[in-house]
Amino acid sequence: MKHFLFIRGLPASGKITIARELEKQFGWRVLWIHGIKNAIWDVVKKHDLRQLMREVLDPIVRFMLEEKLDIIFVRTAMDRETIERVRAEVAKHPDYRFDLVTLLADKQTLLERAQSRPFDEHRPSDEKSLNEYLA
C-alpha cells in the first residue's frame, strides 16, 4: 500500500524537518505547497494567491497519485477545505492510505525556530511577523 501523509502546522512547527527525515529514511516524495506558492509569488508579486493555489493544487495531487508515489504533502494552511479536497482525491485511489498529522508548538517555540532559520521574506522571522501570521 502507498502512503499519502498530509503534514500541516504553523510556520516553524517542524513540518519540513519531519518531511525531510521521512524522505531520507523511506524515499517518500515531498510535495511542499509553500515552496510552490513562493515560486509563483516571486513571479507575480502578489501575496494573496489562494484562488490560484486552489486551481494548481488538485492537478498536482492527481498527478502524484497517478505516478503511484509515496507522498508527503506539506502545507502550512490549517484549513479544513484543503484537507477534505485532498482526502477525497486520495480516496479515489484504493491503493493509498491517507494520514493527517498536525504539528503543534507553543508560541515561544515557534518564535525561537522562526528566528533561528535563514531569512525568507515569505515566512515569519520575528515576533511581529509571527503575530501577524497567527492573527
N, C-alpha and C. Protein backbone atom coordinates (compact mmCIF):
# COMPACT_ATOMS: atom_id res chain seq x y z
N MET A 1 0.84 -1.18 0.00
CA MET A 1 0.00 0.00 0.00
C MET A 1 0.89 1.25 0.00
N LYS A 2 0.48 2.23 -0.80
CA LYS A 2 1.18 3.51 -0.87
C LYS A 2 0.67 4.43 0.22
N HIS A 3 1.51 5.39 0.60
CA HIS A 3 1.17 6.33 1.66
C HIS A 3 1.01 7.74 1.13
N PHE A 4 0.02 8.43 1.63
CA PHE A 4 -0.15 9.86 1.38
C PHE A 4 -0.24 10.50 2.76
N LEU A 5 0.86 11.06 3.20
CA LEU A 5 0.94 11.67 4.52
C LEU A 5 0.79 13.18 4.37
N PHE A 6 -0.24 13.73 4.96
CA PHE A 6 -0.53 15.16 4.90
C PHE A 6 -0.04 15.76 6.22
N ILE A 7 1.03 16.55 6.16
CA ILE A 7 1.57 17.20 7.35
C ILE A 7 1.18 18.67 7.29
N ARG A 8 0.52 19.15 8.34
CA ARG A 8 0.15 20.55 8.40
C ARG A 8 0.58 21.12 9.74
N GLY A 9 0.69 22.43 9.80
CA GLY A 9 1.07 23.08 11.04
C GLY A 9 1.49 24.51 10.79
N LEU A 10 1.66 25.23 11.86
CA LEU A 10 2.06 26.63 11.77
C LEU A 10 3.50 26.75 11.28
N PRO A 11 3.88 27.93 10.78
CA PRO A 11 5.26 28.15 10.38
C PRO A 11 6.20 27.85 11.56
N ALA A 12 7.27 27.14 11.27
CA ALA A 12 8.32 26.80 12.24
C ALA A 12 7.90 25.70 13.21
N SER A 13 6.83 24.97 12.90
CA SER A 13 6.42 23.89 13.79
C SER A 13 7.16 22.58 13.52
N GLY A 14 7.95 22.52 12.44
CA GLY A 14 8.77 21.34 12.16
C GLY A 14 8.31 20.49 10.99
N LYS A 15 7.40 21.00 10.18
CA LYS A 15 6.84 20.22 9.07
C LYS A 15 7.92 19.75 8.09
N ILE A 16 8.72 20.66 7.63
CA ILE A 16 9.74 20.30 6.64
C ILE A 16 10.83 19.43 7.26
N THR A 17 11.18 19.69 8.50
CA THR A 17 12.18 18.86 9.19
C THR A 17 11.74 17.41 9.21
N ILE A 18 10.50 17.18 9.59
CA ILE A 18 9.97 15.81 9.63
C ILE A 18 9.86 15.23 8.23
N ALA A 19 9.37 16.02 7.28
CA ALA A 19 9.23 15.54 5.91
C ALA A 19 10.57 15.13 5.32
N ARG A 20 11.60 15.93 5.55
CA ARG A 20 12.93 15.60 5.01
C ARG A 20 13.48 14.32 5.63
N GLU A 21 13.22 14.12 6.91
CA GLU A 21 13.68 12.90 7.57
C GLU A 21 12.96 11.67 7.00
N LEU A 22 11.65 11.78 6.80
CA LEU A 22 10.90 10.67 6.19
C LEU A 22 11.36 10.41 4.75
N GLU A 23 11.62 11.49 4.03
CA GLU A 23 12.12 11.36 2.66
C GLU A 23 13.45 10.61 2.66
N LYS A 24 14.33 10.99 3.59
CA LYS A 24 15.64 10.36 3.67
C LYS A 24 15.53 8.89 4.08
N GLN A 25 14.70 8.59 5.07
CA GLN A 25 14.61 7.23 5.59
C GLN A 25 13.82 6.28 4.70
N PHE A 26 12.75 6.78 4.07
CA PHE A 26 11.85 5.90 3.33
C PHE A 26 11.81 6.15 1.83
N GLY A 27 12.39 7.26 1.39
CA GLY A 27 12.37 7.59 -0.02
C GLY A 27 11.04 8.17 -0.51
N TRP A 28 10.19 8.58 0.42
CA TRP A 28 8.91 9.18 0.04
C TRP A 28 9.16 10.55 -0.58
N ARG A 29 8.35 10.91 -1.57
CA ARG A 29 8.48 12.21 -2.22
C ARG A 29 7.81 13.29 -1.40
N VAL A 30 8.43 14.46 -1.33
CA VAL A 30 7.87 15.58 -0.57
C VAL A 30 7.27 16.59 -1.53
N LEU A 31 6.02 16.93 -1.28
CA LEU A 31 5.35 17.99 -2.01
C LEU A 31 5.11 19.11 -1.01
N TRP A 32 5.92 20.16 -1.12
CA TRP A 32 5.84 21.29 -0.19
C TRP A 32 5.11 22.43 -0.88
N ILE A 33 3.84 22.56 -0.57
CA ILE A 33 2.99 23.55 -1.25
C ILE A 33 3.49 24.97 -1.03
N HIS A 34 4.04 25.26 0.15
CA HIS A 34 4.55 26.61 0.42
C HIS A 34 5.65 26.97 -0.58
N GLY A 35 6.47 26.01 -0.94
CA GLY A 35 7.54 26.26 -1.90
C GLY A 35 7.00 26.63 -3.27
N ILE A 36 5.91 25.96 -3.68
CA ILE A 36 5.28 26.28 -4.97
C ILE A 36 4.68 27.68 -4.89
N LYS A 37 4.01 27.97 -3.80
CA LYS A 37 3.39 29.29 -3.62
C LYS A 37 4.45 30.39 -3.67
N ASN A 38 5.60 30.16 -3.01
CA ASN A 38 6.67 31.16 -3.03
C ASN A 38 7.19 31.39 -4.43
N ALA A 39 7.34 30.31 -5.20
CA ALA A 39 7.85 30.45 -6.57
C ALA A 39 6.88 31.27 -7.42
N ILE A 40 5.59 31.02 -7.26
CA ILE A 40 4.60 31.79 -8.01
C ILE A 40 4.61 33.24 -7.54
N TRP A 41 4.69 33.46 -6.23
CA TRP A 41 4.69 34.83 -5.69
C TRP A 41 5.88 35.61 -6.22
N ASP A 42 7.03 34.95 -6.35
CA ASP A 42 8.22 35.64 -6.86
C ASP A 42 8.01 36.16 -8.28
N VAL A 43 7.15 35.50 -9.04
CA VAL A 43 6.89 35.92 -10.41
C VAL A 43 5.79 36.98 -10.46
N VAL A 44 4.66 36.73 -9.80
CA VAL A 44 3.52 37.65 -9.94
C VAL A 44 3.50 38.76 -8.91
N LYS A 45 4.28 38.61 -7.84
CA LYS A 45 4.41 39.64 -6.80
C LYS A 45 3.10 39.98 -6.10
N LYS A 46 2.25 38.99 -5.97
CA LYS A 46 1.01 39.17 -5.22
C LYS A 46 0.99 38.14 -4.12
N HIS A 47 0.69 38.58 -2.91
CA HIS A 47 0.75 37.67 -1.78
C HIS A 47 -0.51 36.83 -1.64
N ASP A 48 -1.66 37.34 -2.02
CA ASP A 48 -2.90 36.59 -1.88
C ASP A 48 -3.12 35.73 -3.12
N LEU A 49 -2.63 34.50 -3.04
CA LEU A 49 -2.71 33.59 -4.18
C LEU A 49 -3.66 32.44 -3.91
N ARG A 50 -4.59 32.61 -2.99
CA ARG A 50 -5.44 31.50 -2.58
C ARG A 50 -6.18 30.83 -3.74
N GLN A 51 -6.81 31.61 -4.59
CA GLN A 51 -7.56 31.02 -5.70
C GLN A 51 -6.64 30.27 -6.66
N LEU A 52 -5.53 30.88 -7.01
CA LEU A 52 -4.58 30.22 -7.90
C LEU A 52 -4.06 28.93 -7.29
N MET A 53 -3.75 28.94 -6.01
CA MET A 53 -3.26 27.73 -5.36
C MET A 53 -4.32 26.64 -5.34
N ARG A 54 -5.58 27.01 -5.17
CA ARG A 54 -6.66 26.00 -5.23
C ARG A 54 -6.70 25.35 -6.61
N GLU A 55 -6.51 26.17 -7.65
CA GLU A 55 -6.55 25.64 -9.01
C GLU A 55 -5.33 24.78 -9.33
N VAL A 56 -4.20 25.09 -8.75
CA VAL A 56 -2.96 24.37 -9.01
C VAL A 56 -2.87 23.10 -8.18
N LEU A 57 -3.38 23.14 -6.97
CA LEU A 57 -3.23 22.04 -6.03
C LEU A 57 -3.83 20.72 -6.52
N ASP A 58 -5.06 20.74 -6.97
CA ASP A 58 -5.73 19.50 -7.36
C ASP A 58 -5.00 18.75 -8.48
N PRO A 59 -4.62 19.41 -9.58
CA PRO A 59 -3.90 18.67 -10.63
C PRO A 59 -2.55 18.12 -10.17
N ILE A 60 -1.87 18.85 -9.29
CA ILE A 60 -0.59 18.35 -8.78
C ILE A 60 -0.79 17.09 -7.95
N VAL A 61 -1.78 17.11 -7.06
CA VAL A 61 -2.07 15.94 -6.23
C VAL A 61 -2.47 14.76 -7.13
N ARG A 62 -3.34 15.00 -8.10
CA ARG A 62 -3.77 13.92 -9.02
C ARG A 62 -2.57 13.32 -9.75
N PHE A 63 -1.68 14.17 -10.25
CA PHE A 63 -0.51 13.68 -10.98
C PHE A 63 0.35 12.78 -10.10
N MET A 64 0.61 13.22 -8.88
CA MET A 64 1.46 12.42 -8.00
C MET A 64 0.81 11.09 -7.65
N LEU A 65 -0.50 11.09 -7.45
CA LEU A 65 -1.21 9.84 -7.16
C LEU A 65 -1.14 8.90 -8.37
N GLU A 66 -1.31 9.44 -9.55
CA GLU A 66 -1.25 8.61 -10.75
C GLU A 66 0.13 8.02 -10.97
N GLU A 67 1.16 8.70 -10.47
CA GLU A 67 2.53 8.20 -10.59
C GLU A 67 2.82 7.10 -9.56
N LYS A 68 1.87 6.84 -8.67
CA LYS A 68 1.98 5.79 -7.65
C LYS A 68 3.18 6.00 -6.72
N LEU A 69 3.36 7.25 -6.30
CA LEU A 69 4.44 7.61 -5.40
C LEU A 69 3.96 7.61 -3.96
N ASP A 70 4.85 7.27 -3.03
CA ASP A 70 4.58 7.55 -1.62
C ASP A 70 4.80 9.04 -1.45
N ILE A 71 3.83 9.72 -0.87
CA ILE A 71 3.83 11.19 -0.88
C ILE A 71 3.76 11.75 0.53
N ILE A 72 4.58 12.76 0.78
CA ILE A 72 4.49 13.57 1.99
C ILE A 72 4.05 14.95 1.52
N PHE A 73 2.86 15.33 1.87
CA PHE A 73 2.27 16.59 1.43
C PHE A 73 2.39 17.58 2.60
N VAL A 74 3.12 18.65 2.40
CA VAL A 74 3.39 19.60 3.48
C VAL A 74 2.67 20.90 3.18
N ARG A 75 1.88 21.33 4.15
CA ARG A 75 1.06 22.54 3.95
C ARG A 75 1.00 23.32 5.24
N THR A 76 1.26 24.61 5.16
CA THR A 76 1.15 25.46 6.33
C THR A 76 -0.30 25.68 6.70
N ALA A 77 -1.15 25.88 5.71
CA ALA A 77 -2.55 26.21 5.98
C ALA A 77 -3.24 25.13 6.79
N MET A 78 -4.09 25.56 7.69
CA MET A 78 -4.80 24.63 8.57
C MET A 78 -6.24 24.43 8.11
N ASP A 79 -6.59 24.94 6.93
CA ASP A 79 -7.99 24.95 6.53
C ASP A 79 -8.53 23.55 6.26
N ARG A 80 -9.73 23.32 6.72
CA ARG A 80 -10.40 22.03 6.58
C ARG A 80 -10.74 21.74 5.11
N GLU A 81 -11.05 22.78 4.34
CA GLU A 81 -11.42 22.59 2.93
C GLU A 81 -10.30 21.90 2.15
N THR A 82 -9.06 22.37 2.30
CA THR A 82 -7.94 21.76 1.59
C THR A 82 -7.77 20.31 2.00
N ILE A 83 -7.86 20.04 3.30
CA ILE A 83 -7.71 18.67 3.78
C ILE A 83 -8.77 17.76 3.15
N GLU A 84 -10.00 18.20 3.14
CA GLU A 84 -11.07 17.37 2.61
C GLU A 84 -10.96 17.18 1.10
N ARG A 85 -10.52 18.21 0.38
CA ARG A 85 -10.32 18.07 -1.07
C ARG A 85 -9.23 17.05 -1.37
N VAL A 86 -8.12 17.14 -0.64
CA VAL A 86 -7.02 16.20 -0.87
C VAL A 86 -7.44 14.80 -0.44
N ARG A 87 -8.10 14.68 0.70
CA ARG A 87 -8.57 13.37 1.18
C ARG A 87 -9.49 12.72 0.14
N ALA A 88 -10.39 13.51 -0.45
CA ALA A 88 -11.32 12.98 -1.45
C ALA A 88 -10.56 12.50 -2.69
N GLU A 89 -9.54 13.24 -3.09
CA GLU A 89 -8.75 12.83 -4.26
C GLU A 89 -8.00 11.53 -3.97
N VAL A 90 -7.42 11.43 -2.78
CA VAL A 90 -6.69 10.21 -2.40
C VAL A 90 -7.65 9.03 -2.32
N ALA A 91 -8.87 9.25 -1.86
CA ALA A 91 -9.86 8.17 -1.71
C ALA A 91 -10.20 7.52 -3.06
N LYS A 92 -9.97 8.22 -4.15
CA LYS A 92 -10.22 7.64 -5.47
C LYS A 92 -9.18 6.58 -5.84
N HIS A 93 -8.15 6.47 -5.03
CA HIS A 93 -7.06 5.53 -5.27
C HIS A 93 -7.00 4.53 -4.12
N PRO A 94 -7.66 3.39 -4.28
CA PRO A 94 -7.77 2.43 -3.17
C PRO A 94 -6.42 1.85 -2.72
N ASP A 95 -5.39 2.03 -3.52
CA ASP A 95 -4.08 1.53 -3.13
C ASP A 95 -3.31 2.52 -2.25
N TYR A 96 -3.98 3.61 -1.84
CA TYR A 96 -3.34 4.62 -0.98
C TYR A 96 -3.97 4.65 0.40
N ARG A 97 -3.12 4.92 1.36
CA ARG A 97 -3.57 5.18 2.73
C ARG A 97 -3.33 6.67 2.99
N PHE A 98 -4.34 7.37 3.49
CA PHE A 98 -4.25 8.80 3.79
C PHE A 98 -4.11 8.98 5.29
N ASP A 99 -3.08 9.69 5.72
CA ASP A 99 -2.89 10.02 7.13
C ASP A 99 -2.67 11.52 7.25
N LEU A 100 -3.31 12.11 8.25
CA LEU A 100 -3.18 13.53 8.53
C LEU A 100 -2.44 13.72 9.85
N VAL A 101 -1.41 14.55 9.82
CA VAL A 101 -0.65 14.87 11.02
C VAL A 101 -0.64 16.38 11.18
N THR A 102 -0.99 16.85 12.36
CA THR A 102 -0.94 18.28 12.66
C THR A 102 0.16 18.51 13.69
N LEU A 103 1.12 19.35 13.34
CA LEU A 103 2.20 19.66 14.27
C LEU A 103 1.85 20.93 15.05
N LEU A 104 2.01 20.85 16.33
CA LEU A 104 1.70 21.96 17.21
C LEU A 104 2.95 22.37 17.98
N ALA A 105 3.01 23.63 18.32
CA ALA A 105 4.09 24.14 19.16
C ALA A 105 3.58 25.39 19.84
N ASP A 106 4.10 25.66 21.03
CA ASP A 106 3.69 26.88 21.71
C ASP A 106 4.33 28.09 21.00
N LYS A 107 3.80 29.26 21.28
CA LYS A 107 4.24 30.47 20.59
C LYS A 107 5.73 30.74 20.78
N GLN A 108 6.25 30.50 21.96
CA GLN A 108 7.67 30.76 22.21
C GLN A 108 8.55 29.85 21.36
N THR A 109 8.18 28.58 21.25
CA THR A 109 8.94 27.65 20.42
C THR A 109 8.88 28.06 18.96
N LEU A 110 7.69 28.44 18.48
CA LEU A 110 7.56 28.91 17.10
C LEU A 110 8.45 30.12 16.85
N LEU A 111 8.46 31.05 17.80
CA LEU A 111 9.28 32.25 17.65
C LEU A 111 10.76 31.91 17.62
N GLU A 112 11.21 31.05 18.52
CA GLU A 112 12.62 30.65 18.55
C GLU A 112 13.04 29.98 17.25
N ARG A 113 12.21 29.09 16.76
CA ARG A 113 12.52 28.39 15.50
C ARG A 113 12.51 29.37 14.32
N ALA A 114 11.51 30.27 14.30
CA ALA A 114 11.42 31.24 13.21
C ALA A 114 12.66 32.14 13.18
N GLN A 115 13.13 32.54 14.34
CA GLN A 115 14.30 33.41 14.41
C GLN A 115 15.60 32.68 14.10
N SER A 116 15.62 31.37 14.26
CA SER A 116 16.85 30.62 14.03
C SER A 116 17.07 30.24 12.56
N ARG A 117 16.02 30.38 11.74
CA ARG A 117 16.12 29.99 10.34
C ARG A 117 16.70 31.13 9.51
N PRO A 118 17.28 30.79 8.36
CA PRO A 118 17.72 31.85 7.45
C PRO A 118 16.52 32.69 7.03
N PHE A 119 16.75 33.96 6.80
CA PHE A 119 15.65 34.86 6.45
C PHE A 119 15.02 34.43 5.14
N ASP A 120 13.72 34.46 5.11
CA ASP A 120 12.92 34.19 3.91
C ASP A 120 11.75 35.16 3.97
N GLU A 121 11.62 36.00 2.97
CA GLU A 121 10.58 37.03 3.00
C GLU A 121 9.17 36.47 3.06
N HIS A 122 9.01 35.19 2.77
CA HIS A 122 7.68 34.57 2.77
C HIS A 122 7.31 33.94 4.11
N ARG A 123 8.23 33.93 5.06
CA ARG A 123 7.98 33.28 6.35
C ARG A 123 8.12 34.27 7.50
N PRO A 124 7.38 34.02 8.57
CA PRO A 124 7.59 34.85 9.76
C PRO A 124 9.03 34.65 10.27
N SER A 125 9.67 35.75 10.63
CA SER A 125 11.06 35.66 11.08
C SER A 125 11.30 36.41 12.39
N ASP A 126 10.28 37.10 12.87
CA ASP A 126 10.40 37.81 14.14
C ASP A 126 9.04 37.79 14.84
N GLU A 127 8.99 38.36 16.04
CA GLU A 127 7.74 38.30 16.81
C GLU A 127 6.59 39.02 16.11
N LYS A 128 6.89 40.17 15.52
CA LYS A 128 5.85 40.95 14.85
C LYS A 128 5.24 40.16 13.69
N SER A 129 6.09 39.61 12.82
CA SER A 129 5.56 38.88 11.66
C SER A 129 4.87 37.58 12.09
N LEU A 130 5.34 36.94 13.15
CA LEU A 130 4.66 35.74 13.65
C LEU A 130 3.29 36.10 14.19
N ASN A 131 3.21 37.19 14.96
CA ASN A 131 1.92 37.63 15.49
C ASN A 131 0.94 37.96 14.36
N GLU A 132 1.43 38.61 13.32
CA GLU A 132 0.58 38.93 12.18
C GLU A 132 0.07 37.66 11.50
N TYR A 133 0.95 36.68 11.36
CA TYR A 133 0.53 35.42 10.75
C TYR A 133 -0.51 34.70 11.62
N LEU A 134 -0.26 34.66 12.90
CA LEU A 134 -1.17 33.96 13.81
C LEU A 134 -2.53 34.65 13.91
N ALA A 135 -2.55 35.98 13.69
CA ALA A 135 -3.81 36.71 13.74
C ALA A 135 -4.65 36.36 12.54
